[in-house]
């Protein structure tokens, strides 16, 4: 992974790490070309040191458009992304492969895919990726 960089932007955003409203000019930490706002230098350092724990795993959900089960999973993972920063990539597919398919950090994950309840999924992600719930 390339080192993260820190730069300043306009205020009034929420910290990707702790969820606090940023004070003054916001700091941004860039991880894998994706910018994340942070509250202060401590949050910036923590995010740079362990981005997977802080902003969640890279998640890729392959789904078949029109499939009711797939559409339910897409909605569930979008809700997770609204609750916590998540590097989510939704990939529609038209192949005959089983659907949906979930990849976390590049590995197919059938256990996490089987979770259908939002609160259970958030809890599971918090257990697997300490820090996903935020630092505070």
C-alpha atoms as a PDB file:
ATOM      1  CA  UNK A   1       0.000   0.000   0.000  1.00  0.00           C
ATOM      2  CA  UNK A   2       1.234   3.469  -0.797  1.00  0.00           C
ATOM      3  CA  UNK A   3       1.618   5.883   2.115  1.00  0.00           C
ATOM      4  CA  UNK A   4      -1.403   8.047   2.828  1.00  0.00           C
ATOM      5  CA  UNK A   5      -1.203  11.799   2.425  1.00  0.00           C
ATOM      6  CA  UNK A   6      -2.865  14.543   4.451  1.00  0.00           C
ATOM      7  CA  UNK A   7      -4.246  17.800   3.013  1.00  0.00           C
ATOM      8  CA  UNK A   8      -6.753  20.459   4.119  1.00  0.00           C
ATOM      9  CA  UNK A   9     -10.253  21.182   2.732  1.00  0.00           C
ATOM     10  CA  UNK A  10     -13.286  23.303   3.728  1.00  0.00           C
ATOM     11  CA  UNK A  11     -14.883  22.594   7.174  1.00  0.00           C
ATOM     12  CA  UNK A  12     -18.213  21.036   8.292  1.00  0.00           C
ATOM     13  CA  UNK A  13     -17.717  17.355   7.542  1.00  0.00           C
ATOM     14  CA  UNK A  14     -17.771  14.313   9.829  1.00  0.00           C
ATOM     15  CA  UNK A  15     -14.596  12.461  10.711  1.00  0.00           C
ATOM     16  CA  UNK A  16     -14.310   9.102   8.920  1.00  0.00           C
ATOM     17  CA  UNK A  17     -12.737   7.641  12.044  1.00  0.00           C
ATOM     18  CA  UNK A  18     -14.769   8.926  15.004  1.00  0.00           C
ATOM     19  CA  UNK A  19     -17.804  10.541  13.360  1.00  0.00           C
ATOM     20  CA  UNK A  20     -17.250  13.917  15.077  1.00  0.00           C
ATOM     21  CA  UNK A  21     -17.947  17.100  13.160  1.00  0.00           C
ATOM     22  CA  UNK A  22     -14.646  18.519  12.069  1.00  0.00           C
ATOM     23  CA  UNK A  23     -13.493  21.801  13.622  1.00  0.00           C
ATOM     24  CA  UNK A  24     -12.098  24.474  11.330  1.00  0.00           C
ATOM     25  CA  UNK A  25     -10.426  23.419   8.083  1.00  0.00           C
ATOM     26  CA  UNK A  26     -10.846  19.688   7.710  1.00  0.00           C
ATOM     27  CA  UNK A  27      -7.944  17.312   7.367  1.00  0.00           C
ATOM     28  CA  UNK A  28      -8.265  14.662   4.707  1.00  0.00           C
ATOM     29  CA  UNK A  29      -6.397  11.382   4.597  1.00  0.00           C
ATOM     30  CA  UNK A  30      -6.080   9.713   1.204  1.00  0.00           C
ATOM     31  CA  UNK A  31      -6.016   5.932   1.176  1.00  0.00           C
ATOM     32  CA  UNK A  32      -5.857   4.055  -2.118  1.00  0.00           C
ATOM     33  CA  UNK A  33      -6.893   7.237  -3.989  1.00  0.00           C
ATOM     34  CA  UNK A  34     -10.000   7.719  -1.797  1.00  0.00           C
ATOM     35  CA  UNK A  35     -10.116  10.832   0.457  1.00  0.00           C
ATOM     36  CA  UNK A  36     -11.500  10.557   4.020  1.00  0.00           C
ATOM     37  CA  UNK A  37     -12.149  13.584   6.295  1.00  0.00           C
ATOM     38  CA  UNK A  38     -10.685  13.380   9.817  1.00  0.00           C
ATOM     39  CA  UNK A  39     -11.188  15.440  12.989  1.00  0.00           C
ATOM     40  CA  UNK A  40      -7.576  16.007  14.002  1.00  0.00           C
ATOM     41  CA  UNK A  41      -4.001  14.776  13.722  1.00  0.00           C
ATOM     42  CA  UNK A  42      -4.698  11.838  16.063  1.00  0.00           C
ATOM     43  CA  UNK A  43      -7.533  10.558  13.883  1.00  0.00           C
ATOM     44  CA  UNK A  44      -5.372  11.130  10.788  1.00  0.00           C
ATOM     45  CA  UNK A  45      -2.533   9.082  12.295  1.00  0.00           C
ATOM     46  CA  UNK A  46      -4.858   6.254  13.371  1.00  0.00           C
ATOM     47  CA  UNK A  47      -6.484   6.144   9.946  1.00  0.00           C
ATOM     48  CA  UNK A  48      -3.126   6.070   8.174  1.00  0.00           C
ATOM     49  CA  UNK A  49      -1.764   3.341  10.463  1.00  0.00           C
ATOM     50  CA  UNK A  50      -4.689   0.961  10.035  1.00  0.00           C
ATOM     51  CA  UNK A  51      -7.103   1.961   7.260  1.00  0.00           C
ATOM     52  CA  UNK A  52      -8.877  -1.425   7.137  1.00  0.00           C
ATOM     53  CA  UNK A  53      -9.772  -1.235  10.810  1.00  0.00           C
ATOM     54  CA  UNK A  54     -10.787   2.408  10.570  1.00  0.00           C
ATOM     55  CA  UNK A  55     -12.757   2.590   7.313  1.00  0.00           C
ATOM     56  CA  UNK A  56     -13.696  -1.044   6.935  1.00  0.00           C
ATOM     57  CA  UNK A  57     -12.670  -3.623   4.433  1.00  0.00           C
ATOM     58  CA  UNK A  58     -12.707  -3.326   0.691  1.00  0.00           C
ATOM     59  CA  UNK A  59     -15.994  -4.992  -0.175  1.00  0.00           C
ATOM     60  CA  UNK A  60     -17.085  -6.043  -3.639  1.00  0.00           C
ATOM     61  CA  UNK A  61     -20.604  -7.324  -4.144  1.00  0.00           C
ATOM     62  CA  UNK A  62     -21.326  -9.005  -7.466  1.00  0.00           C
ATOM     63  CA  UNK A  63     -25.035  -9.137  -8.163  1.00  0.00           C
ATOM     64  CA  UNK A  64     -27.439  -9.944 -10.948  1.00  0.00           C
ATOM     65  CA  UNK A  65     -29.770  -7.016 -11.802  1.00  0.00           C
ATOM     66  CA  UNK A  66     -33.386  -8.045 -11.375  1.00  0.00           C
ATOM     67  CA  UNK A  67     -32.626 -10.850  -8.907  1.00  0.00           C
ATOM     68  CA  UNK A  68     -34.674 -10.185  -5.719  1.00  0.00           C
ATOM     69  CA  UNK A  69     -32.052 -11.729  -3.411  1.00  0.00           C
ATOM     70  CA  UNK A  70     -29.285  -9.719  -5.057  1.00  0.00           C
ATOM     71  CA  UNK A  71     -31.238  -6.471  -4.850  1.00  0.00           C
ATOM     72  CA  UNK A  72     -31.863  -7.078  -1.133  1.00  0.00           C
ATOM     73  CA  UNK A  73     -28.108  -7.578  -0.580  1.00  0.00           C
ATOM     74  CA  UNK A  74     -27.284  -4.414  -2.542  1.00  0.00           C
ATOM     75  CA  UNK A  75     -29.728  -2.425  -0.375  1.00  0.00           C
ATOM     76  CA  UNK A  76     -28.275  -3.947   2.816  1.00  0.00           C
ATOM     77  CA  UNK A  77     -24.676  -3.121   1.891  1.00  0.00           C
ATOM     78  CA  UNK A  78     -25.621   0.414   0.820  1.00  0.00           C
ATOM     79  CA  UNK A  79     -27.174   0.888   4.267  1.00  0.00           C
ATOM     80  CA  UNK A  80     -23.949  -0.349   5.887  1.00  0.00           C
ATOM     81  CA  UNK A  81     -22.050   2.170   3.769  1.00  0.00           C
ATOM     82  CA  UNK A  82     -24.361   4.971   4.953  1.00  0.00           C
ATOM     83  CA  UNK A  83     -23.752   4.030   8.612  1.00  0.00           C
ATOM     84  CA  UNK A  84     -19.954   3.678   8.434  1.00  0.00           C
ATOM     85  CA  UNK A  85     -17.335   4.473   5.820  1.00  0.00           C
ATOM     86  CA  UNK A  86     -16.878   1.405   3.668  1.00  0.00           C
ATOM     87  CA  UNK A  87     -14.923   0.871   0.479  1.00  0.00           C
ATOM     88  CA  UNK A  88     -17.854  -0.738  -1.364  1.00  0.00           C
ATOM     89  CA  UNK A  89     -17.820  -1.667  -5.027  1.00  0.00           C
ATOM     90  CA  UNK A  90     -21.117  -2.914  -6.483  1.00  0.00           C
ATOM     91  CA  UNK A  91     -20.557  -4.974  -9.614  1.00  0.00           C
ATOM     92  CA  UNK A  92     -23.519  -6.035 -11.753  1.00  0.00           C
ATOM     93  CA  UNK A  93     -22.984  -9.286 -13.606  1.00  0.00           C
ATOM     94  CA  UNK A  94     -24.845 -11.203 -16.270  1.00  0.00           C
ATOM     95  CA  UNK A  95     -23.016 -14.515 -15.886  1.00  0.00           C
ATOM     96  CA  UNK A  96     -24.668 -17.763 -14.822  1.00  0.00           C
ATOM     97  CA  UNK A  97     -22.448 -17.915 -11.719  1.00  0.00           C
ATOM     98  CA  UNK A  98     -24.238 -18.140  -8.367  1.00  0.00           C
ATOM     99  CA  UNK A  99     -25.397 -14.786  -7.107  1.00  0.00           C
ATOM    100  CA  UNK A 100     -24.839 -12.651  -5.172  1.00  0.00           C
ATOM    101  CA  UNK A 101     -21.135 -13.028  -4.395  1.00  0.00           C
ATOM    102  CA  UNK A 102     -19.236 -11.051  -1.772  1.00  0.00           C
ATOM    103  CA  UNK A 103     -15.500 -10.438  -1.660  1.00  0.00           C
ATOM    104  CA  UNK A 104     -13.920  -8.810   1.413  1.00  0.00           C
ATOM    105  CA  UNK A 105     -10.318  -7.699   1.034  1.00  0.00           C
ATOM    106  CA  UNK A 106     -10.161  -9.778  -2.166  1.00  0.00           C
ATOM    107  CA  UNK A 107     -11.347 -13.051  -0.591  1.00  0.00           C
ATOM    108  CA  UNK A 108     -14.790 -14.519  -1.266  1.00  0.00           C
ATOM    109  CA  UNK A 109     -16.750 -14.502   1.987  1.00  0.00           C
ATOM    110  CA  UNK A 110     -19.788 -16.795   2.208  1.00  0.00           C
ATOM    111  CA  UNK A 111     -20.246 -16.306   5.979  1.00  0.00           C
ATOM    112  CA  UNK A 112     -20.641 -12.531   5.821  1.00  0.00           C
ATOM    113  CA  UNK A 113     -22.816 -12.836   2.709  1.00  0.00           C
ATOM    114  CA  UNK A 114     -25.263 -15.043   4.644  1.00  0.00           C
ATOM    115  CA  UNK A 115     -26.078 -12.235   7.130  1.00  0.00           C
ATOM    116  CA  UNK A 116     -29.363 -10.549   6.188  1.00  0.00           C
ATOM    117  CA  UNK A 117     -29.960  -8.286   9.206  1.00  0.00           C
ATOM    118  CA  UNK A 118     -28.352  -4.825   9.227  1.00  0.00           C
ATOM    119  CA  UNK A 119     -27.518  -4.735  12.949  1.00  0.00           C
ATOM    120  CA  UNK A 120     -26.071  -8.267  12.853  1.00  0.00           C
ATOM    121  CA  UNK A 121     -23.977  -7.374   9.815  1.00  0.00           C
ATOM    122  CA  UNK A 122     -22.623  -4.216  11.460  1.00  0.00           C
ATOM    123  CA  UNK A 123     -21.790  -6.186  14.609  1.00  0.00           C
ATOM    124  CA  UNK A 124     -20.059  -8.895  12.565  1.00  0.00           C
ATOM    125  CA  UNK A 125     -17.986  -6.293  10.694  1.00  0.00           C
ATOM    126  CA  UNK A 126     -17.072  -4.591  13.991  1.00  0.00           C
ATOM    127  CA  UNK A 127     -15.873  -7.954  15.342  1.00  0.00           C
ATOM    128  CA  UNK A 128     -13.868  -8.859  12.223  1.00  0.00           C
ATOM    129  CA  UNK A 129     -12.420  -5.383  11.726  1.00  0.00           C
ATOM    130  CA  UNK A 130     -11.719  -3.776  15.122  1.00  0.00           C
ATOM    131  CA  UNK A 131     -12.069  -0.030  14.850  1.00  0.00           C
ATOM    132  CA  UNK A 132     -14.815  -0.221  12.226  1.00  0.00           C
ATOM    133  CA  UNK A 133     -17.250   1.199  14.806  1.00  0.00           C
ATOM    134  CA  UNK A 134     -15.047   4.300  15.158  1.00  0.00           C
ATOM    135  CA  UNK A 135     -12.463   5.323  17.702  1.00  0.00           C
ATOM    136  CA  UNK A 136     -14.785   7.003  20.217  1.00  0.00           C
END
